[in-house]
Full PDB file with SEQRES, HELIX, SHEET, SSBOND, CRYST1, ORIGX, SCALE, CONECT and MASTER records, all heavy atoms in Angstrom:
SEQRES   1 A   34  TYR GLN THR PHE GLY THR LYS CYS GLU THR ILE ALA SER          
SEQRES   2 A   34  ASP LEU ILE SER VAL ALA THR LYS ASN GLY GLY GLY GLY          
SEQRES   3 A   34  ARG ASN ILE VAL ILE ASN HIS PRO                              
HELIX    1 AA1 GLN A    2  PHE A    4  5                                   3    
HELIX    2 AA2 LYS A    7  LYS A   21  1                                  15    
CRYST1    1.000    1.000    1.000  90.00  90.00  90.00 P 1           1          
ORIGX1      1.000000  0.000000  0.000000        0.00000                         
ORIGX2      0.000000  1.000000  0.000000        0.00000                         
ORIGX3      0.000000  0.000000  1.000000        0.00000                         
SCALE1      1.000000  0.000000  0.000000        0.00000                         
SCALE2      0.000000  1.000000  0.000000        0.00000                         
SCALE3      0.000000  0.000000  1.000000        0.00000                         
ATOM      1  N   TYR A   1    -140.173 101.494   4.590  1.00  0.00           N  
ATOM      2  CA  TYR A   1    -139.423 102.730   4.359  1.00  0.00           C  
ATOM      3  C   TYR A   1    -140.159 103.588   3.340  1.00  0.00           C  
ATOM      4  O   TYR A   1    -140.391 103.164   2.213  1.00  0.00           O  
ATOM      5  CB  TYR A   1    -138.007 102.413   3.868  1.00  0.00           C  
ATOM      6  CG  TYR A   1    -137.047 103.540   4.080  1.00  0.00           C  
ATOM      7  CD1 TYR A   1    -136.345 103.652   5.274  1.00  0.00           C  
ATOM      8  CD2 TYR A   1    -136.838 104.496   3.105  1.00  0.00           C  
ATOM      9  CE1 TYR A   1    -135.458 104.686   5.491  1.00  0.00           C  
ATOM     10  CE2 TYR A   1    -135.948 105.540   3.322  1.00  0.00           C  
ATOM     11  CZ  TYR A   1    -135.260 105.631   4.513  1.00  0.00           C  
ATOM     12  OH  TYR A   1    -134.384 106.654   4.722  1.00  0.00           O  
ATOM     13  N   GLN A   2    -140.554 104.762   3.745  1.00  0.00           N  
ATOM     14  CA  GLN A   2    -141.242 105.748   2.914  1.00  0.00           C  
ATOM     15  C   GLN A   2    -141.838 105.184   1.635  1.00  0.00           C  
ATOM     16  O   GLN A   2    -142.781 104.434   1.669  1.00  0.00           O  
ATOM     17  CB  GLN A   2    -140.306 106.923   2.666  1.00  0.00           C  
ATOM     18  CG  GLN A   2    -140.000 107.645   3.968  1.00  0.00           C  
ATOM     19  CD  GLN A   2    -138.787 108.528   3.922  1.00  0.00           C  
ATOM     20  OE1 GLN A   2    -138.138 108.689   2.906  1.00  0.00           O  
ATOM     21  NE2 GLN A   2    -138.456 109.120   5.035  1.00  0.00           N  
ATOM     22  N   THR A   3    -141.300 105.494   0.490  1.00  0.00           N  
ATOM     23  CA  THR A   3    -141.908 105.102  -0.785  1.00  0.00           C  
ATOM     24  C   THR A   3    -141.588 103.663  -1.205  1.00  0.00           C  
ATOM     25  O   THR A   3    -141.961 103.252  -2.291  1.00  0.00           O  
ATOM     26  CB  THR A   3    -141.440 106.052  -1.909  1.00  0.00           C  
ATOM     27  OG1 THR A   3    -140.011 105.969  -1.994  1.00  0.00           O  
ATOM     28  CG2 THR A   3    -141.850 107.480  -1.617  1.00  0.00           C  
ATOM     29  N   PHE A   4    -140.930 102.895  -0.351  1.00  0.00           N  
ATOM     30  CA  PHE A   4    -140.518 101.542  -0.717  1.00  0.00           C  
ATOM     31  C   PHE A   4    -141.591 100.491  -0.453  1.00  0.00           C  
ATOM     32  O   PHE A   4    -141.450  99.354  -0.876  1.00  0.00           O  
ATOM     33  CB  PHE A   4    -139.232 101.161   0.018  1.00  0.00           C  
ATOM     34  CG  PHE A   4    -138.003 101.746  -0.589  1.00  0.00           C  
ATOM     35  CD1 PHE A   4    -137.731 103.102  -0.479  1.00  0.00           C  
ATOM     36  CD2 PHE A   4    -137.115 100.952  -1.289  1.00  0.00           C  
ATOM     37  CE1 PHE A   4    -136.605 103.654  -1.052  1.00  0.00           C  
ATOM     38  CE2 PHE A   4    -135.978 101.483  -1.872  1.00  0.00           C  
ATOM     39  CZ  PHE A   4    -135.723 102.848  -1.750  1.00  0.00           C  
ATOM     40  N   GLY A   5    -142.654 100.849   0.274  1.00  0.00           N  
ATOM     41  CA  GLY A   5    -143.676  99.858   0.604  1.00  0.00           C  
ATOM     42  C   GLY A   5    -143.039  98.713   1.363  1.00  0.00           C  
ATOM     43  O   GLY A   5    -142.326  98.927   2.332  1.00  0.00           O  
ATOM     44  N   THR A   6    -143.263  97.476   0.898  1.00  0.00           N  
ATOM     45  CA  THR A   6    -142.695  96.306   1.577  1.00  0.00           C  
ATOM     46  C   THR A   6    -141.529  95.684   0.797  1.00  0.00           C  
ATOM     47  O   THR A   6    -141.196  94.521   0.997  1.00  0.00           O  
ATOM     48  CB  THR A   6    -143.781  95.234   1.804  1.00  0.00           C  
ATOM     49  OG1 THR A   6    -144.317  94.864   0.537  1.00  0.00           O  
ATOM     50  CG2 THR A   6    -144.888  95.738   2.718  1.00  0.00           C  
ATOM     51  N   LYS A   7    -140.910  96.461  -0.078  1.00  0.00           N  
ATOM     52  CA  LYS A   7    -139.819  95.895  -0.898  1.00  0.00           C  
ATOM     53  C   LYS A   7    -138.644  95.418  -0.051  1.00  0.00           C  
ATOM     54  O   LYS A   7    -138.060  94.369  -0.331  1.00  0.00           O  
ATOM     55  CB  LYS A   7    -139.374  96.889  -1.958  1.00  0.00           C  
ATOM     56  CG  LYS A   7    -140.410  97.050  -3.061  1.00  0.00           C  
ATOM     57  CD  LYS A   7    -139.919  97.883  -4.231  1.00  0.00           C  
ATOM     58  CE  LYS A   7    -140.978  97.883  -5.320  1.00  0.00           C  
ATOM     59  NZ  LYS A   7    -140.486  98.388  -6.591  1.00  0.00           N  
ATOM     60  N   CYS A   8    -138.284  96.159   0.985  1.00  0.00           N  
ATOM     61  CA  CYS A   8    -137.161  95.732   1.830  1.00  0.00           C  
ATOM     62  C   CYS A   8    -137.519  94.469   2.609  1.00  0.00           C  
ATOM     63  O   CYS A   8    -136.693  93.572   2.774  1.00  0.00           O  
ATOM     64  CB  CYS A   8    -136.736  96.862   2.763  1.00  0.00           C  
ATOM     65  SG  CYS A   8    -136.104  98.314   1.879  1.00  0.00           S  
ATOM     66  N   GLU A   9    -138.785  94.377   3.076  1.00  0.00           N  
ATOM     67  CA  GLU A   9    -139.235  93.160   3.760  1.00  0.00           C  
ATOM     68  C   GLU A   9    -139.202  91.964   2.819  1.00  0.00           C  
ATOM     69  O   GLU A   9    -138.869  90.858   3.233  1.00  0.00           O  
ATOM     70  CB  GLU A   9    -140.669  93.331   4.282  1.00  0.00           C  
ATOM     71  CG  GLU A   9    -140.799  94.308   5.427  1.00  0.00           C  
ATOM     72  CD  GLU A   9    -141.063  95.742   4.978  1.00  0.00           C  
ATOM     73  OE1 GLU A   9    -140.506  96.181   3.952  1.00  0.00           O  
ATOM     74  OE2 GLU A   9    -141.829  96.420   5.652  1.00  0.00           O  
ATOM     75  N   THR A  10    -139.551  92.192   1.556  1.00  0.00           N  
ATOM     76  CA  THR A  10    -139.524  91.115   0.559  1.00  0.00           C  
ATOM     77  C   THR A  10    -138.110  90.582   0.386  1.00  0.00           C  
ATOM     78  O   THR A  10    -137.893  89.369   0.325  1.00  0.00           O  
ATOM     79  CB  THR A  10    -140.084  91.615  -0.788  1.00  0.00           C  
ATOM     80  OG1 THR A  10    -141.430  92.021  -0.594  1.00  0.00           O  
ATOM     81  CG2 THR A  10    -140.015  90.540  -1.863  1.00  0.00           C  
ATOM     82  N   ILE A  11    -137.138  91.478   0.341  1.00  0.00           N  
ATOM     83  CA  ILE A  11    -135.734  91.063   0.213  1.00  0.00           C  
ATOM     84  C   ILE A  11    -135.330  90.224   1.420  1.00  0.00           C  
ATOM     85  O   ILE A  11    -134.773  89.135   1.275  1.00  0.00           O  
ATOM     86  CB  ILE A  11    -134.813  92.290   0.044  1.00  0.00           C  
ATOM     87  CG1 ILE A  11    -135.078  92.952  -1.305  1.00  0.00           C  
ATOM     88  CG2 ILE A  11    -133.349  91.902   0.188  1.00  0.00           C  
ATOM     89  CD1 ILE A  11    -134.499  94.345  -1.451  1.00  0.00           C  
ATOM     90  N   ALA A  12    -135.633  90.704   2.625  1.00  0.00           N  
ATOM     91  CA  ALA A  12    -135.292  89.964   3.847  1.00  0.00           C  
ATOM     92  C   ALA A  12    -135.972  88.598   3.857  1.00  0.00           C  
ATOM     93  O   ALA A  12    -135.359  87.582   4.204  1.00  0.00           O  
ATOM     94  CB  ALA A  12    -135.693  90.780   5.085  1.00  0.00           C  
ATOM     95  N   SER A  13    -137.225  88.565   3.446  1.00  0.00           N  
ATOM     96  CA  SER A  13    -137.992  87.318   3.419  1.00  0.00           C  
ATOM     97  C   SER A  13    -137.393  86.326   2.422  1.00  0.00           C  
ATOM     98  O   SER A  13    -137.251  85.130   2.719  1.00  0.00           O  
ATOM     99  CB  SER A  13    -139.441  87.645   3.066  1.00  0.00           C  
ATOM    100  OG  SER A  13    -140.194  86.476   2.953  1.00  0.00           O  
ATOM    101  N   ASP A  14    -137.032  86.799   1.244  1.00  0.00           N  
ATOM    102  CA  ASP A  14    -136.404  85.933   0.247  1.00  0.00           C  
ATOM    103  C   ASP A  14    -135.079  85.384   0.754  1.00  0.00           C  
ATOM    104  O   ASP A  14    -134.771  84.195   0.571  1.00  0.00           O  
ATOM    105  CB  ASP A  14    -136.147  86.697  -1.062  1.00  0.00           C  
ATOM    106  CG  ASP A  14    -137.405  86.909  -1.888  1.00  0.00           C  
ATOM    107  OD1 ASP A  14    -138.498  86.522  -1.440  1.00  0.00           O  
ATOM    108  OD2 ASP A  14    -137.281  87.478  -3.000  1.00  0.00           O  
ATOM    109  N   LEU A  15    -134.275  86.232   1.392  1.00  0.00           N  
ATOM    110  CA  LEU A  15    -132.971  85.799   1.889  1.00  0.00           C  
ATOM    111  C   LEU A  15    -133.121  84.723   2.965  1.00  0.00           C  
ATOM    112  O   LEU A  15    -132.413  83.719   2.936  1.00  0.00           O  
ATOM    113  CB  LEU A  15    -132.172  86.991   2.416  1.00  0.00           C  
ATOM    114  CG  LEU A  15    -131.713  88.011   1.366  1.00  0.00           C  
ATOM    115  CD1 LEU A  15    -131.047  89.207   2.040  1.00  0.00           C  
ATOM    116  CD2 LEU A  15    -130.766  87.383   0.349  1.00  0.00           C  
ATOM    117  N   ILE A  16    -134.052  84.915   3.900  1.00  0.00           N  
ATOM    118  CA  ILE A  16    -134.220  83.916   4.968  1.00  0.00           C  
ATOM    119  C   ILE A  16    -134.785  82.615   4.401  1.00  0.00           C  
ATOM    120  O   ILE A  16    -134.406  81.528   4.810  1.00  0.00           O  
ATOM    121  CB  ILE A  16    -135.074  84.444   6.147  1.00  0.00           C  
ATOM    122  CG1 ILE A  16    -134.971  83.499   7.351  1.00  0.00           C  
ATOM    123  CG2 ILE A  16    -136.526  84.633   5.785  1.00  0.00           C  
ATOM    124  CD1 ILE A  16    -133.621  83.378   7.964  1.00  0.00           C  
ATOM    125  N   SER A  17    -135.652  82.730   3.431  1.00  0.00           N  
ATOM    126  CA  SER A  17    -136.251  81.547   2.822  1.00  0.00           C  
ATOM    127  C   SER A  17    -135.183  80.679   2.150  1.00  0.00           C  
ATOM    128  O   SER A  17    -135.117  79.467   2.376  1.00  0.00           O  
ATOM    129  CB  SER A  17    -137.307  81.992   1.803  1.00  0.00           C  
ATOM    130  OG  SER A  17    -137.819  80.884   1.121  1.00  0.00           O  
ATOM    131  N   VAL A  18    -134.326  81.287   1.352  1.00  0.00           N  
ATOM    132  CA  VAL A  18    -133.279  80.530   0.654  1.00  0.00           C  
ATOM    133  C   VAL A  18    -132.240  80.009   1.650  1.00  0.00           C  
ATOM    134  O   VAL A  18    -131.818  78.860   1.566  1.00  0.00           O  
ATOM    135  CB  VAL A  18    -132.610  81.398  -0.444  1.00  0.00           C  
ATOM    136  CG1 VAL A  18    -131.376  80.708  -1.005  1.00  0.00           C  
ATOM    137  CG2 VAL A  18    -133.607  81.696  -1.559  1.00  0.00           C  
ATOM    138  N   ALA A  19    -131.854  80.838   2.606  1.00  0.00           N  
ATOM    139  CA  ALA A  19    -130.854  80.416   3.594  1.00  0.00           C  
ATOM    140  C   ALA A  19    -131.350  79.200   4.376  1.00  0.00           C  
ATOM    141  O   ALA A  19    -130.622  78.227   4.558  1.00  0.00           O  
ATOM    142  CB  ALA A  19    -130.528  81.573   4.537  1.00  0.00           C  
ATOM    143  N   THR A  20    -132.602  79.241   4.804  1.00  0.00           N  
ATOM    144  CA  THR A  20    -133.179  78.139   5.578  1.00  0.00           C  
ATOM    145  C   THR A  20    -133.294  76.881   4.729  1.00  0.00           C  
ATOM    146  O   THR A  20    -132.953  75.779   5.177  1.00  0.00           O  
ATOM    147  CB  THR A  20    -134.565  78.554   6.128  1.00  0.00           C  
ATOM    148  OG1 THR A  20    -134.400  79.752   6.883  1.00  0.00           O  
ATOM    149  CG2 THR A  20    -135.150  77.479   7.005  1.00  0.00           C  
ATOM    150  N   LYS A  21    -133.741  77.043   3.496  1.00  0.00           N  
ATOM    151  CA  LYS A  21    -133.884  75.898   2.586  1.00  0.00           C  
ATOM    152  C   LYS A  21    -132.538  75.225   2.351  1.00  0.00           C  
ATOM    153  O   LYS A  21    -132.465  74.008   2.182  1.00  0.00           O  
ATOM    154  CB  LYS A  21    -134.494  76.380   1.262  1.00  0.00           C  
ATOM    155  CG  LYS A  21    -134.862  75.258   0.295  1.00  0.00           C  
ATOM    156  CD  LYS A  21    -135.472  75.809  -0.970  1.00  0.00           C  
ATOM    157  CE  LYS A  21    -134.362  76.295  -1.869  1.00  0.00           C  
ATOM    158  NZ  LYS A  21    -134.762  77.009  -3.048  1.00  0.00           N  
ATOM    159  N   ASN A  22    -131.460  76.004   2.350  1.00  0.00           N  
ATOM    160  CA  ASN A  22    -130.123  75.467   2.102  1.00  0.00           C  
ATOM    161  C   ASN A  22    -129.423  74.996   3.372  1.00  0.00           C  
ATOM    162  O   ASN A  22    -128.231  74.734   3.360  1.00  0.00           O  
ATOM    163  CB  ASN A  22    -129.249  76.515   1.410  1.00  0.00           C  
ATOM    164  CG  ASN A  22    -129.724  76.803   0.005  1.00  0.00           C  
ATOM    165  OD1 ASN A  22    -130.468  76.019  -0.583  1.00  0.00           O  
ATOM    166  ND2 ASN A  22    -129.315  77.924  -0.536  1.00  0.00           N  
ATOM    167  N   GLY A  23    -130.151  74.931   4.489  1.00  0.00           N  
ATOM    168  CA  GLY A  23    -129.560  74.439   5.727  1.00  0.00           C  
ATOM    169  C   GLY A  23    -128.896  75.501   6.567  1.00  0.00           C  
ATOM    170  O   GLY A  23    -128.238  75.201   7.563  1.00  0.00           O  
ATOM    171  N   GLY A  24    -129.041  76.759   6.173  1.00  0.00           N  
ATOM    172  CA  GLY A  24    -128.484  77.867   6.960  1.00  0.00           C  
ATOM    173  C   GLY A  24    -129.595  78.520   7.762  1.00  0.00           C  
ATOM    174  O   GLY A  24    -130.479  77.852   8.272  1.00  0.00           O  
ATOM    175  N   GLY A  25    -129.561  79.838   7.838  1.00  0.00           N  
ATOM    176  CA  GLY A  25    -130.591  80.562   8.567  1.00  0.00           C  
ATOM    177  C   GLY A  25    -130.253  82.027   8.675  1.00  0.00           C  
ATOM    178  O   GLY A  25    -129.348  82.508   7.990  1.00  0.00           O  
ATOM    179  N   GLY A  26    -130.980  82.724   9.518  1.00  0.00           N  
ATOM    180  CA  GLY A  26    -130.747  84.147   9.697  1.00  0.00           C  
ATOM    181  C   GLY A  26    -130.965  84.547  11.129  1.00  0.00           C  
ATOM    182  O   GLY A  26    -131.643  83.849  11.893  1.00  0.00           O  
ATOM    183  N   ARG A  27    -130.370  85.667  11.511  1.00  0.00           N  
ATOM    184  CA  ARG A  27    -130.601  86.200  12.856  1.00  0.00           C  
ATOM    185  C   ARG A  27    -130.435  87.710  12.832  1.00  0.00           C  
ATOM    186  O   ARG A  27    -129.600  88.246  12.102  1.00  0.00           O  
ATOM    187  CB  ARG A  27    -129.667  85.575  13.883  1.00  0.00           C  
ATOM    188  CG  ARG A  27    -128.208  85.886  13.653  1.00  0.00           C  
ATOM    189  CD  ARG A  27    -127.302  85.149  14.619  1.00  0.00           C  
ATOM    190  NE  ARG A  27    -125.909  85.414  14.274  1.00  0.00           N  
ATOM    191  CZ  ARG A  27    -124.966  85.644  15.156  1.00  0.00           C  
ATOM    192  NH1 ARG A  27    -125.232  85.643  16.447  1.00  0.00           N  
ATOM    193  NH2 ARG A  27    -123.730  85.879  14.764  1.00  0.00           N  
ATOM    194  N   ASN A  28    -131.265  88.369  13.617  1.00  0.00           N  
ATOM    195  CA  ASN A  28    -131.166  89.807  13.748  1.00  0.00           C  
ATOM    196  C   ASN A  28    -130.038  90.131  14.719  1.00  0.00           C  
ATOM    197  O   ASN A  28    -130.036  89.647  15.847  1.00  0.00           O  
ATOM    198  CB  ASN A  28    -132.483  90.395  14.257  1.00  0.00           C  
ATOM    199  CG  ASN A  28    -133.567  90.304  13.209  1.00  0.00           C  
ATOM    200  OD1 ASN A  28    -133.328  90.561  12.035  1.00  0.00           O  
ATOM    201  ND2 ASN A  28    -134.759  89.926  13.620  1.00  0.00           N  
ATOM    202  N   ILE A  29    -129.096  90.941  14.263  1.00  0.00           N  
ATOM    203  CA  ILE A  29    -127.965  91.338  15.094  1.00  0.00           C  
ATOM    204  C   ILE A  29    -128.285  92.664  15.782  1.00  0.00           C  
ATOM    205  O   ILE A  29    -127.995  92.858  16.951  1.00  0.00           O  
ATOM    206  CB  ILE A  29    -126.681  91.481  14.239  1.00  0.00           C  
ATOM    207  CG1 ILE A  29    -126.392  90.193  13.462  1.00  0.00           C  
ATOM    208  CG2 ILE A  29    -125.489  91.887  15.106  1.00  0.00           C  
ATOM    209  CD1 ILE A  29    -126.064  88.981  14.297  1.00  0.00           C  
ATOM    210  N   VAL A  30    -128.855  93.590  15.028  1.00  0.00           N  
ATOM    211  CA  VAL A  30    -129.253  94.896  15.562  1.00  0.00           C  
ATOM    212  C   VAL A  30    -130.683  95.146  15.110  1.00  0.00           C  
ATOM    213  O   VAL A  30    -131.015  94.942  13.943  1.00  0.00           O  
ATOM    214  CB  VAL A  30    -128.332  96.033  15.048  1.00  0.00           C  
ATOM    215  CG1 VAL A  30    -128.806  97.382  15.557  1.00  0.00           C  
ATOM    216  CG2 VAL A  30    -126.886  95.782  15.460  1.00  0.00           C  
ATOM    217  N   ILE A  31    -131.531  95.571  16.026  1.00  0.00           N  
ATOM    218  CA  ILE A  31    -132.927  95.879  15.715  1.00  0.00           C  
ATOM    219  C   ILE A  31    -133.105  97.388  15.751  1.00  0.00           C  
ATOM    220  O   ILE A  31    -132.586  98.054  16.651  1.00  0.00           O  
ATOM    221  CB  ILE A  31    -133.885  95.237  16.758  1.00  0.00           C  
ATOM    222  CG1 ILE A  31    -133.676  93.729  16.828  1.00  0.00           C  
ATOM    223  CG2 ILE A  31    -135.334  95.576  16.437  1.00  0.00           C  
ATOM    224  CD1 ILE A  31    -134.086  92.966  15.609  1.00  0.00           C  
ATOM    225  N   ASN A  32    -133.867  97.912  14.793  1.00  0.00           N  
ATOM    226  CA  ASN A  32    -134.066  99.361  14.725  1.00  0.00           C  
ATOM    227  C   ASN A  32    -134.804  99.869  15.960  1.00  0.00           C  
ATOM    228  O   ASN A  32    -135.600  99.162  16.564  1.00  0.00           O  
ATOM    229  CB  ASN A  32    -134.816  99.724  13.450  1.00  0.00           C  
ATOM    230  CG  ASN A  32    -136.287  99.376  13.511  1.00  0.00           C  
ATOM    231  OD1 ASN A  32    -137.061 100.067  14.151  1.00  0.00           O  
ATOM    232  ND2 ASN A  32    -136.679  98.308  12.832  1.00  0.00           N  
ATOM    233  N   HIS A  33    -134.525 101.096  16.317  1.00  0.00           N  
ATOM    234  CA  HIS A  33    -135.201 101.770  17.438  1.00  0.00           C  
ATOM    235  C   HIS A  33    -135.637 103.151  16.970  1.00  0.00           C  
ATOM    236  O   HIS A  33    -134.951 104.138  17.236  1.00  0.00           O  
ATOM    237  CB  HIS A  33    -134.268 101.883  18.646  1.00  0.00           C  
ATOM    238  CG  HIS A  33    -133.915 100.577  19.254  1.00  0.00           C  
ATOM    239  ND1 HIS A  33    -134.806  99.858  20.025  1.00  0.00           N  
ATOM    240  CD2 HIS A  33    -132.780  99.835  19.190  1.00  0.00           C  
ATOM    241  CE1 HIS A  33    -134.224  98.733  20.415  1.00  0.00           C  
ATOM    242  NE2 HIS A  33    -133.003  98.697  19.919  1.00  0.00           N  
ATOM    243  N   PRO A  34    -136.776 103.237  16.261  1.00  0.00           N  
ATOM    244  CA  PRO A  34    -137.198 104.518  15.688  1.00  0.00           C  
ATOM    245  C   PRO A  34    -137.347 105.641  16.712  1.00  0.00           C  
ATOM    246  O   PRO A  34    -137.150 106.795  16.387  1.00  0.00           O  
ATOM    247  CB  PRO A  34    -138.548 104.210  15.043  1.00  0.00           C  
ATOM    248  CG  PRO A  34    -138.598 102.738  14.896  1.00  0.00           C  
ATOM    249  CD  PRO A  34    -137.698 102.156  15.943  1.00  0.00           C  
TER     250      PRO A  34                                                      
MASTER        0    0    0    2    0    0    0    6  249    1    0    3          
END                                                                             
């Protein structure tokens, strides 16, 4: 996102990493369509 660089990706990556480590996980419900 514009001036954010990869900060939003870092947040998503951290969330999936912790969720998976704790026996959970993640899934994309809606994917962007630019």
